[in-house]
N, C-alpha and C. Protein backbone atom coordinates (compact mmCIF):
# COMPACT_ATOMS: atom_id res chain seq x y z
N MET A 1 0.85 -1.18 0.00
CA MET A 1 0.00 0.00 0.00
C MET A 1 0.89 1.24 0.00
N ILE A 2 0.60 2.18 -0.86
CA ILE A 2 1.28 3.46 -0.91
C ILE A 2 0.29 4.52 -0.45
N THR A 3 0.72 5.34 0.50
CA THR A 3 -0.13 6.42 1.02
C THR A 3 0.51 7.76 0.68
N ASP A 4 -0.25 8.62 0.06
CA ASP A 4 0.22 9.96 -0.30
C ASP A 4 0.02 10.87 0.90
N PHE A 5 1.11 11.29 1.54
CA PHE A 5 1.01 12.11 2.75
C PHE A 5 0.33 13.45 2.48
N SER A 6 0.37 13.93 1.25
CA SER A 6 -0.27 15.22 0.96
C SER A 6 -1.79 15.15 1.09
N THR A 7 -2.34 13.93 1.15
CA THR A 7 -3.79 13.78 1.28
C THR A 7 -4.23 13.58 2.73
N LEU A 8 -3.28 13.55 3.67
CA LEU A 8 -3.59 13.24 5.06
C LEU A 8 -3.53 14.48 5.94
N ASN A 9 -4.35 14.47 7.02
CA ASN A 9 -4.26 15.56 7.99
C ASN A 9 -3.10 15.26 8.95
N GLU A 10 -2.75 16.25 9.79
CA GLU A 10 -1.60 16.10 10.69
C GLU A 10 -1.76 14.92 11.64
N SER A 11 -2.96 14.72 12.15
CA SER A 11 -3.20 13.63 13.09
C SER A 11 -2.92 12.27 12.45
N LYS A 12 -3.35 12.08 11.24
CA LYS A 12 -3.15 10.80 10.55
C LYS A 12 -1.67 10.61 10.22
N LYS A 13 -0.99 11.69 9.79
CA LYS A 13 0.44 11.60 9.52
C LYS A 13 1.19 11.20 10.79
N TYR A 14 0.84 11.85 11.91
CA TYR A 14 1.49 11.53 13.19
C TYR A 14 1.26 10.05 13.53
N SER A 15 0.04 9.59 13.39
CA SER A 15 -0.29 8.20 13.72
C SER A 15 0.55 7.23 12.90
N ILE A 16 0.64 7.47 11.61
CA ILE A 16 1.42 6.57 10.74
C ILE A 16 2.91 6.63 11.11
N MET A 17 3.45 7.83 11.25
CA MET A 17 4.87 7.96 11.56
C MET A 17 5.23 7.36 12.91
N SER A 18 4.40 7.62 13.92
CA SER A 18 4.73 7.14 15.27
C SER A 18 4.54 5.64 15.43
N ASN A 19 3.81 5.03 14.50
CA ASN A 19 3.62 3.58 14.54
C ASN A 19 4.57 2.83 13.61
N THR A 20 5.36 3.55 12.82
CA THR A 20 6.29 2.89 11.92
C THR A 20 7.75 3.23 12.21
N ILE A 21 8.03 4.43 12.66
CA ILE A 21 9.41 4.82 12.96
C ILE A 21 9.62 4.59 14.45
N PHE A 22 10.00 3.39 14.80
CA PHE A 22 10.15 3.03 16.21
C PHE A 22 11.18 1.94 16.36
N PRO A 23 11.64 1.64 17.56
CA PRO A 23 11.31 2.39 18.78
C PRO A 23 12.07 3.71 18.81
N ARG A 24 11.43 4.70 19.37
CA ARG A 24 12.06 6.01 19.57
C ARG A 24 12.28 6.18 21.06
N PRO A 25 13.52 6.39 21.49
CA PRO A 25 13.71 6.66 22.92
C PRO A 25 13.04 7.99 23.26
N ILE A 26 12.57 8.09 24.46
CA ILE A 26 11.92 9.32 24.90
C ILE A 26 12.96 10.23 25.54
N ALA A 27 13.00 11.47 25.06
CA ALA A 27 13.87 12.49 25.66
C ALA A 27 13.05 13.12 26.79
N TRP A 28 13.37 12.77 28.02
CA TRP A 28 12.68 13.30 29.19
C TRP A 28 13.50 14.50 29.64
N ILE A 29 13.09 15.69 29.21
CA ILE A 29 13.94 16.87 29.31
C ILE A 29 13.68 17.70 30.56
N THR A 30 14.77 17.97 31.27
CA THR A 30 14.73 18.85 32.43
C THR A 30 15.27 20.22 32.01
N THR A 31 14.51 21.27 32.36
CA THR A 31 14.98 22.64 32.17
C THR A 31 14.66 23.40 33.45
N GLU A 32 15.21 24.61 33.56
CA GLU A 32 14.96 25.45 34.73
C GLU A 32 14.72 26.89 34.30
N ASP A 33 13.85 27.55 35.05
CA ASP A 33 13.67 28.98 34.87
C ASP A 33 13.19 29.57 36.19
N GLU A 34 13.93 30.54 36.69
CA GLU A 34 13.60 31.23 37.92
C GLU A 34 13.30 30.26 39.07
N GLY A 35 14.15 29.23 39.20
CA GLY A 35 14.04 28.28 40.30
C GLY A 35 13.01 27.18 40.11
N ILE A 36 12.26 27.21 39.02
CA ILE A 36 11.26 26.18 38.74
C ILE A 36 11.87 25.14 37.83
N VAL A 37 11.83 23.86 38.25
CA VAL A 37 12.35 22.76 37.43
C VAL A 37 11.20 22.21 36.59
N ASN A 38 11.38 22.28 35.27
CA ASN A 38 10.39 21.76 34.32
C ASN A 38 10.88 20.40 33.84
N LEU A 39 9.98 19.43 33.74
CA LEU A 39 10.32 18.08 33.28
C LEU A 39 9.23 17.61 32.34
N ALA A 40 9.59 17.33 31.08
CA ALA A 40 8.59 16.92 30.10
C ALA A 40 9.18 15.91 29.12
N PRO A 41 8.36 14.93 28.68
CA PRO A 41 8.82 13.92 27.72
C PRO A 41 8.55 14.33 26.27
N PHE A 42 9.49 13.97 25.39
CA PHE A 42 9.36 14.24 23.96
C PHE A 42 9.80 12.99 23.19
N SER A 43 8.92 12.49 22.33
CA SER A 43 9.25 11.25 21.63
C SER A 43 9.80 11.46 20.23
N TYR A 44 9.76 12.68 19.71
CA TYR A 44 10.41 12.94 18.43
C TYR A 44 11.84 13.38 18.75
N PHE A 45 12.72 12.38 18.90
CA PHE A 45 14.06 12.58 19.41
C PHE A 45 14.99 11.55 18.78
N ALA A 46 16.19 11.98 18.38
CA ALA A 46 17.12 11.03 17.76
C ALA A 46 18.54 11.57 17.80
N PRO A 47 19.54 10.65 17.72
CA PRO A 47 20.91 11.09 17.55
C PRO A 47 21.06 11.67 16.15
N LEU A 48 21.95 12.63 16.01
CA LEU A 48 22.14 13.29 14.72
C LEU A 48 23.57 13.12 14.21
N SER A 49 24.54 13.14 15.14
CA SER A 49 25.95 13.06 14.76
C SER A 49 26.74 12.68 16.00
N SER A 50 27.86 11.96 15.79
CA SER A 50 28.73 11.65 16.92
C SER A 50 29.93 12.58 16.98
N GLU A 51 30.24 13.27 15.88
CA GLU A 51 31.33 14.24 15.89
C GLU A 51 30.95 15.44 15.04
N PRO A 52 30.45 16.50 15.62
CA PRO A 52 30.27 16.70 17.06
C PRO A 52 29.10 15.86 17.58
N PRO A 53 29.07 15.60 18.89
CA PRO A 53 28.00 14.78 19.47
C PRO A 53 26.69 15.57 19.54
N LEU A 54 25.79 15.31 18.60
CA LEU A 54 24.55 16.07 18.50
C LEU A 54 23.33 15.17 18.54
N VAL A 55 22.26 15.70 19.12
CA VAL A 55 20.94 15.06 19.08
C VAL A 55 19.95 16.10 18.57
N ILE A 56 18.80 15.63 18.11
CA ILE A 56 17.75 16.54 17.67
C ILE A 56 16.46 16.12 18.36
N VAL A 57 15.72 17.10 18.82
CA VAL A 57 14.42 16.85 19.46
C VAL A 57 13.44 17.88 18.91
N SER A 58 12.25 17.41 18.59
CA SER A 58 11.22 18.29 18.05
C SER A 58 10.23 18.62 19.15
N ILE A 59 10.07 19.92 19.40
CA ILE A 59 9.19 20.37 20.47
C ILE A 59 8.08 21.22 19.86
N GLY A 60 6.85 20.84 20.11
CA GLY A 60 5.72 21.59 19.58
C GLY A 60 5.47 22.87 20.35
N HIS A 61 4.72 23.75 19.74
CA HIS A 61 4.29 24.97 20.40
C HIS A 61 2.92 24.75 21.03
N LYS A 62 2.57 25.58 21.99
CA LYS A 62 1.25 25.51 22.61
C LYS A 62 0.19 25.89 21.58
N GLU A 63 -1.06 25.59 21.88
CA GLU A 63 -2.15 25.89 20.95
C GLU A 63 -2.23 27.37 20.62
N ASN A 64 -1.82 28.25 21.56
CA ASN A 64 -1.87 29.69 21.31
C ASN A 64 -0.64 30.18 20.52
N GLY A 65 0.24 29.26 20.12
CA GLY A 65 1.41 29.61 19.33
C GLY A 65 2.66 29.90 20.12
N GLU A 66 2.54 30.05 21.44
CA GLU A 66 3.72 30.29 22.27
C GLU A 66 4.54 29.00 22.38
N PRO A 67 5.87 29.14 22.57
CA PRO A 67 6.68 27.93 22.75
C PRO A 67 6.32 27.23 24.06
N LYS A 68 6.37 25.89 24.05
CA LYS A 68 6.18 25.16 25.29
C LYS A 68 7.27 25.57 26.27
N ASP A 69 7.01 25.37 27.56
CA ASP A 69 7.95 25.80 28.60
C ASP A 69 9.35 25.23 28.38
N THR A 70 9.44 23.97 27.98
CA THR A 70 10.75 23.35 27.76
C THR A 70 11.53 24.14 26.71
N LEU A 71 10.89 24.43 25.59
CA LEU A 71 11.55 25.17 24.52
C LEU A 71 11.92 26.59 24.97
N ALA A 72 10.99 27.26 25.62
CA ALA A 72 11.26 28.63 26.10
C ALA A 72 12.43 28.64 27.07
N ASN A 73 12.48 27.65 27.96
CA ASN A 73 13.58 27.59 28.93
C ASN A 73 14.93 27.31 28.26
N ILE A 74 14.93 26.41 27.27
CA ILE A 74 16.18 26.11 26.55
C ILE A 74 16.66 27.36 25.81
N MET A 75 15.74 28.05 25.17
CA MET A 75 16.12 29.25 24.42
C MET A 75 16.65 30.34 25.37
N LYS A 76 16.12 30.40 26.57
CA LYS A 76 16.55 31.42 27.53
C LYS A 76 17.90 31.07 28.16
N SER A 77 18.05 29.81 28.59
CA SER A 77 19.27 29.43 29.32
C SER A 77 20.36 28.84 28.43
N GLY A 78 19.96 28.26 27.31
CA GLY A 78 20.93 27.63 26.41
C GLY A 78 21.33 26.22 26.79
N VAL A 79 20.70 25.65 27.84
CA VAL A 79 21.07 24.31 28.29
C VAL A 79 19.84 23.50 28.70
N CYS A 80 20.02 22.18 28.72
CA CYS A 80 18.99 21.28 29.22
C CYS A 80 19.65 19.96 29.60
N THR A 81 18.90 19.13 30.29
CA THR A 81 19.35 17.79 30.64
C THR A 81 18.33 16.81 30.09
N ILE A 82 18.80 15.85 29.29
CA ILE A 82 17.92 14.82 28.73
C ILE A 82 18.10 13.57 29.56
N ASN A 83 17.02 13.15 30.21
CA ASN A 83 17.02 11.95 31.03
C ASN A 83 16.42 10.80 30.23
N PHE A 84 16.90 9.59 30.48
CA PHE A 84 16.30 8.41 29.88
C PHE A 84 15.58 7.65 30.99
N ALA A 85 14.32 7.34 30.75
CA ALA A 85 13.52 6.63 31.76
C ALA A 85 13.59 5.13 31.53
N HIS A 86 13.50 4.37 32.61
CA HIS A 86 13.41 2.91 32.56
C HIS A 86 12.06 2.52 33.15
N LYS A 87 11.73 1.23 33.10
CA LYS A 87 10.37 0.80 33.43
C LYS A 87 9.90 1.21 34.83
N GLU A 88 10.81 1.34 35.78
CA GLU A 88 10.40 1.74 37.13
C GLU A 88 9.98 3.22 37.17
N LEU A 89 10.28 3.96 36.13
CA LEU A 89 9.92 5.38 36.08
C LEU A 89 8.76 5.67 35.12
N LEU A 90 8.09 4.63 34.62
CA LEU A 90 7.04 4.81 33.62
C LEU A 90 5.91 5.72 34.11
N GLU A 91 5.41 5.52 35.30
CA GLU A 91 4.29 6.34 35.81
C GLU A 91 4.70 7.80 35.95
N GLU A 92 5.92 8.03 36.45
CA GLU A 92 6.41 9.40 36.57
C GLU A 92 6.54 10.05 35.20
N LEU A 93 7.03 9.28 34.23
CA LEU A 93 7.16 9.77 32.86
C LEU A 93 5.79 10.17 32.31
N LYS A 94 4.81 9.30 32.46
CA LYS A 94 3.45 9.59 31.99
C LYS A 94 2.89 10.83 32.68
N ASN A 95 3.04 10.91 33.99
CA ASN A 95 2.52 12.05 34.74
C ASN A 95 3.14 13.36 34.28
N SER A 96 4.43 13.33 33.99
CA SER A 96 5.11 14.57 33.64
C SER A 96 4.70 15.12 32.27
N ALA A 97 3.92 14.35 31.52
CA ALA A 97 3.42 14.83 30.22
C ALA A 97 2.25 15.79 30.39
N GLU A 98 1.69 15.86 31.59
CA GLU A 98 0.56 16.77 31.85
C GLU A 98 1.01 18.22 31.73
N ALA A 99 0.21 19.00 31.02
CA ALA A 99 0.53 20.43 30.87
C ALA A 99 0.25 21.15 32.18
N LEU A 100 1.28 21.80 32.71
CA LEU A 100 1.15 22.55 33.96
C LEU A 100 1.46 24.01 33.70
N PRO A 101 0.99 24.90 34.57
CA PRO A 101 1.39 26.31 34.44
C PRO A 101 2.91 26.43 34.57
N LYS A 102 3.48 27.44 33.95
CA LYS A 102 4.94 27.62 33.92
C LYS A 102 5.54 27.69 35.32
N ASP A 103 4.79 28.21 36.28
CA ASP A 103 5.34 28.37 37.63
C ASP A 103 5.14 27.14 38.52
N GLU A 104 4.73 26.02 37.91
CA GLU A 104 4.54 24.78 38.67
C GLU A 104 5.49 23.71 38.14
N SER A 105 6.22 23.06 39.03
CA SER A 105 7.21 22.05 38.66
C SER A 105 6.59 20.66 38.62
N GLU A 106 6.83 19.94 37.54
CA GLU A 106 6.38 18.54 37.44
C GLU A 106 7.08 17.69 38.49
N CYS A 107 8.33 18.01 38.78
CA CYS A 107 9.06 17.25 39.81
C CYS A 107 8.37 17.37 41.16
N GLU A 108 7.97 18.58 41.52
CA GLU A 108 7.30 18.78 42.80
C GLU A 108 5.89 18.19 42.80
N LYS A 109 5.13 18.47 41.75
CA LYS A 109 3.74 18.01 41.72
C LYS A 109 3.64 16.49 41.75
N PHE A 110 4.53 15.80 41.02
CA PHE A 110 4.44 14.35 40.91
C PHE A 110 5.49 13.61 41.74
N ASN A 111 6.14 14.35 42.64
CA ASN A 111 7.14 13.77 43.55
C ASN A 111 8.22 12.99 42.80
N ILE A 112 8.76 13.62 41.77
CA ILE A 112 9.86 13.03 41.00
C ILE A 112 11.15 13.65 41.52
N LYS A 113 11.99 12.82 42.10
CA LYS A 113 13.23 13.33 42.68
C LYS A 113 14.22 13.74 41.58
N ALA A 114 14.80 14.91 41.77
CA ALA A 114 15.83 15.41 40.85
C ALA A 114 17.07 15.74 41.66
N LYS A 115 18.23 15.63 41.01
CA LYS A 115 19.47 15.96 41.70
C LYS A 115 20.37 16.78 40.78
N LYS A 116 21.01 17.77 41.35
CA LYS A 116 21.94 18.62 40.62
C LYS A 116 23.26 17.87 40.52
N VAL A 117 23.76 17.68 39.30
CA VAL A 117 24.99 16.94 39.09
C VAL A 117 26.10 17.85 38.57
N LEU A 118 25.74 18.72 37.62
CA LEU A 118 26.70 19.67 37.06
C LEU A 118 26.12 21.07 37.20
N GLU A 119 26.91 21.97 37.70
CA GLU A 119 26.43 23.29 38.09
C GLU A 119 25.67 24.05 37.03
N ILE A 120 26.16 24.09 35.80
CA ILE A 120 25.49 24.95 34.81
C ILE A 120 24.29 24.29 34.12
N PHE A 121 24.06 23.00 34.38
CA PHE A 121 22.96 22.29 33.74
C PHE A 121 21.81 22.05 34.72
N PRO A 122 20.58 21.96 34.20
CA PRO A 122 19.45 21.64 35.07
C PRO A 122 19.66 20.27 35.74
N PRO A 123 18.97 20.03 36.85
CA PRO A 123 19.14 18.74 37.53
C PRO A 123 18.67 17.58 36.66
N MET A 124 19.17 16.40 36.96
CA MET A 124 18.70 15.20 36.28
C MET A 124 17.71 14.48 37.18
N VAL A 125 16.92 13.60 36.59
CA VAL A 125 16.02 12.75 37.38
C VAL A 125 16.91 11.84 38.21
N ALA A 126 16.74 11.87 39.51
CA ALA A 126 17.64 11.16 40.43
C ALA A 126 17.73 9.67 40.15
N ASP A 127 16.64 9.04 39.75
CA ASP A 127 16.64 7.59 39.53
C ASP A 127 16.92 7.19 38.08
N ALA A 128 17.23 8.14 37.22
CA ALA A 128 17.57 7.82 35.83
C ALA A 128 18.92 7.10 35.80
N LYS A 129 19.04 6.16 34.88
CA LYS A 129 20.29 5.42 34.72
C LYS A 129 21.23 6.11 33.74
N CYS A 130 20.69 7.06 32.97
CA CYS A 130 21.49 7.77 31.99
C CYS A 130 20.91 9.16 31.77
N ALA A 131 21.78 10.14 31.59
CA ALA A 131 21.34 11.51 31.29
C ALA A 131 22.39 12.19 30.43
N LEU A 132 21.91 13.03 29.51
CA LEU A 132 22.77 13.81 28.64
C LEU A 132 22.68 15.27 29.06
N PHE A 133 23.80 15.92 29.25
CA PHE A 133 23.84 17.32 29.63
C PHE A 133 24.19 18.10 28.36
N CYS A 134 23.22 18.86 27.85
CA CYS A 134 23.31 19.42 26.51
C CYS A 134 23.23 20.94 26.48
N GLU A 135 23.83 21.49 25.42
CA GLU A 135 23.71 22.92 25.16
C GLU A 135 23.02 23.10 23.81
N TYR A 136 22.25 24.17 23.73
CA TYR A 136 21.52 24.52 22.51
C TYR A 136 22.50 24.90 21.41
N VAL A 137 22.26 24.39 20.20
CA VAL A 137 23.07 24.73 19.03
C VAL A 137 22.26 25.60 18.07
N LYS A 138 21.11 25.09 17.64
CA LYS A 138 20.28 25.85 16.71
C LYS A 138 18.90 25.22 16.56
N SER A 139 17.98 26.02 16.05
CA SER A 139 16.64 25.56 15.72
C SER A 139 16.56 25.39 14.21
N VAL A 140 15.64 24.56 13.79
CA VAL A 140 15.41 24.35 12.36
C VAL A 140 13.99 24.78 12.05
N ASP A 141 13.84 25.77 11.20
CA ASP A 141 12.51 26.26 10.82
C ASP A 141 11.96 25.33 9.76
N ILE A 142 10.92 24.59 10.12
CA ILE A 142 10.31 23.68 9.15
C ILE A 142 8.91 24.16 8.75
N GLY A 143 8.57 25.38 9.17
CA GLY A 143 7.29 25.96 8.77
C GLY A 143 6.09 25.26 9.37
N SER A 144 6.23 24.78 10.61
CA SER A 144 5.10 24.13 11.27
C SER A 144 5.08 24.53 12.73
N ARG A 145 4.11 23.97 13.47
CA ARG A 145 4.04 24.29 14.90
C ARG A 145 5.10 23.54 15.70
N PHE A 146 5.84 22.66 15.04
CA PHE A 146 6.94 21.95 15.69
C PHE A 146 8.24 22.67 15.41
N GLU A 147 9.11 22.67 16.41
CA GLU A 147 10.41 23.32 16.25
C GLU A 147 11.51 22.33 16.62
N PRO A 148 12.13 21.71 15.62
CA PRO A 148 13.26 20.83 15.91
C PRO A 148 14.44 21.67 16.39
N ILE A 149 15.05 21.22 17.47
CA ILE A 149 16.24 21.91 17.97
C ILE A 149 17.40 20.92 18.03
N ILE A 150 18.56 21.43 17.70
CA ILE A 150 19.77 20.62 17.74
C ILE A 150 20.51 20.97 19.02
N LEU A 151 20.91 19.92 19.72
CA LEU A 151 21.59 20.06 21.01
C LEU A 151 22.92 19.32 20.97
N LYS A 152 23.94 19.93 21.55
CA LYS A 152 25.26 19.29 21.64
C LYS A 152 25.40 18.65 23.01
N ILE A 153 25.81 17.40 23.03
CA ILE A 153 26.05 16.69 24.29
C ILE A 153 27.41 17.11 24.83
N ASN A 154 27.41 17.75 25.99
CA ASN A 154 28.68 18.15 26.62
C ASN A 154 29.16 17.12 27.63
N HIS A 155 28.22 16.47 28.32
CA HIS A 155 28.56 15.47 29.33
C HIS A 155 27.47 14.39 29.31
N ILE A 156 27.82 13.20 29.75
CA ILE A 156 26.84 12.12 29.88
C ILE A 156 27.04 11.46 31.24
N TYR A 157 25.92 11.11 31.86
CA TYR A 157 25.94 10.34 33.11
C TYR A 157 25.42 8.95 32.78
N ILE A 158 26.14 7.92 33.21
CA ILE A 158 25.67 6.54 33.11
C ILE A 158 25.91 5.90 34.47
N ALA A 159 24.88 5.32 35.04
CA ALA A 159 25.01 4.66 36.35
C ALA A 159 26.06 3.56 36.26
N ASP A 160 26.91 3.48 37.27
CA ASP A 160 28.00 2.50 37.28
C ASP A 160 27.51 1.08 37.04
N GLU A 161 26.34 0.73 37.59
CA GLU A 161 25.85 -0.63 37.44
C GLU A 161 25.40 -0.95 36.01
N ASN A 162 25.34 0.06 35.16
CA ASN A 162 24.94 -0.15 33.76
C ASN A 162 26.15 -0.20 32.81
N ILE A 163 27.34 -0.26 33.38
CA ILE A 163 28.56 -0.40 32.59
C ILE A 163 29.27 -1.66 33.06
N ASP A 164 29.52 -2.60 32.13
CA ASP A 164 30.15 -3.86 32.53
C ASP A 164 31.67 -3.73 32.55
N GLU A 165 32.34 -4.85 32.88
CA GLU A 165 33.80 -4.85 33.02
C GLU A 165 34.53 -4.56 31.71
N LYS A 166 33.84 -4.74 30.57
CA LYS A 166 34.44 -4.44 29.27
C LYS A 166 34.06 -3.04 28.79
N ASN A 167 33.46 -2.27 29.69
CA ASN A 167 33.04 -0.89 29.41
C ASN A 167 31.88 -0.81 28.42
N HIS A 168 31.11 -1.90 28.32
CA HIS A 168 29.90 -1.89 27.49
C HIS A 168 28.74 -1.33 28.32
N ILE A 169 27.90 -0.58 27.66
CA ILE A 169 26.77 0.07 28.33
C ILE A 169 25.51 -0.77 28.09
N HIS A 170 24.77 -1.01 29.17
CA HIS A 170 23.52 -1.78 29.09
C HIS A 170 22.40 -0.97 29.72
N LEU A 171 21.50 -0.46 28.88
CA LEU A 171 20.37 0.33 29.36
C LEU A 171 19.07 -0.25 28.82
N GLU A 172 18.00 -0.06 29.54
CA GLU A 172 16.67 -0.49 29.10
C GLU A 172 15.77 0.73 29.10
N ASN A 173 16.04 1.65 28.18
CA ASN A 173 15.28 2.89 28.09
C ASN A 173 13.87 2.64 27.57
N ILE A 174 12.93 3.42 28.08
CA ILE A 174 11.56 3.36 27.56
C ILE A 174 11.54 4.04 26.21
N GLY A 175 10.88 3.39 25.26
CA GLY A 175 10.71 3.95 23.93
C GLY A 175 9.24 4.23 23.67
N ARG A 176 8.99 4.81 22.52
CA ARG A 176 7.61 5.15 22.16
C ARG A 176 7.27 4.45 20.85
N VAL A 177 6.09 3.83 20.83
CA VAL A 177 5.55 3.19 19.64
C VAL A 177 4.10 3.64 19.53
N GLY A 178 3.82 4.61 18.68
CA GLY A 178 2.46 5.14 18.59
C GLY A 178 2.04 5.71 19.92
N MET A 179 0.89 5.28 20.42
CA MET A 179 0.40 5.74 21.72
C MET A 179 0.85 4.82 22.86
N GLU A 180 1.65 3.82 22.54
CA GLU A 180 2.13 2.88 23.54
C GLU A 180 3.61 3.14 23.83
N TYR A 181 4.06 2.57 24.94
CA TYR A 181 5.46 2.65 25.32
C TYR A 181 6.10 1.30 25.05
N LEU A 182 7.38 1.29 24.75
CA LEU A 182 8.11 0.05 24.54
C LEU A 182 9.06 -0.14 25.71
N ILE A 183 8.85 -1.23 26.43
CA ILE A 183 9.67 -1.55 27.60
C ILE A 183 10.13 -2.99 27.45
N ASP A 184 11.42 -3.20 27.43
CA ASP A 184 11.97 -4.56 27.31
C ASP A 184 11.33 -5.32 26.15
N SER A 185 11.17 -4.70 25.01
CA SER A 185 10.59 -5.27 23.79
C SER A 185 9.09 -5.62 23.94
N THR A 186 8.44 -5.06 24.97
CA THR A 186 7.01 -5.29 25.18
C THR A 186 6.28 -3.96 25.10
N ARG A 187 5.16 -3.94 24.36
CA ARG A 187 4.36 -2.72 24.29
C ARG A 187 3.47 -2.59 25.51
N VAL A 188 3.43 -1.38 26.09
CA VAL A 188 2.66 -1.12 27.29
C VAL A 188 1.88 0.17 27.10
N LYS A 189 0.61 0.20 27.49
CA LYS A 189 -0.17 1.43 27.38
C LYS A 189 0.11 2.35 28.54
């Protein structure tokens, strides 16, 4: 079957793309503004280059056209922390997707522990096994309500227990498949 994307609305395009381009790891992004820690998940996320070490994440704008808090905070501070969630953090990840007022922290509202690891970067999720400490590089104007941003990885945290004696990394990050999550090769709603 061949489907002409020009005949589809945005919702149908999203449904097809999110159910075929998978698994996509979820970028659970921590940002800060005026002492408020913002934490939100984004599933349009991928590595872009290893030299320089770059990732790309697409962040939508609010219905009124303003940038989402995560995007506004990154543009203001120039930094963010990308956390990777594992199955024990699934409920916290789901909860943090709720839209909250800018002056309300998802970490506080949903009791998600965060810890400051590097001074100039927002805190990471305390129970995450891996986190990327990134700086903003540039935005890509694609003429839509989504704004892909390119981020450079300056530092990475990997829990010691997830690195074996041969220095191989073993993580079980939650991924996204359509409206479901992928955990240990199993789809979960």
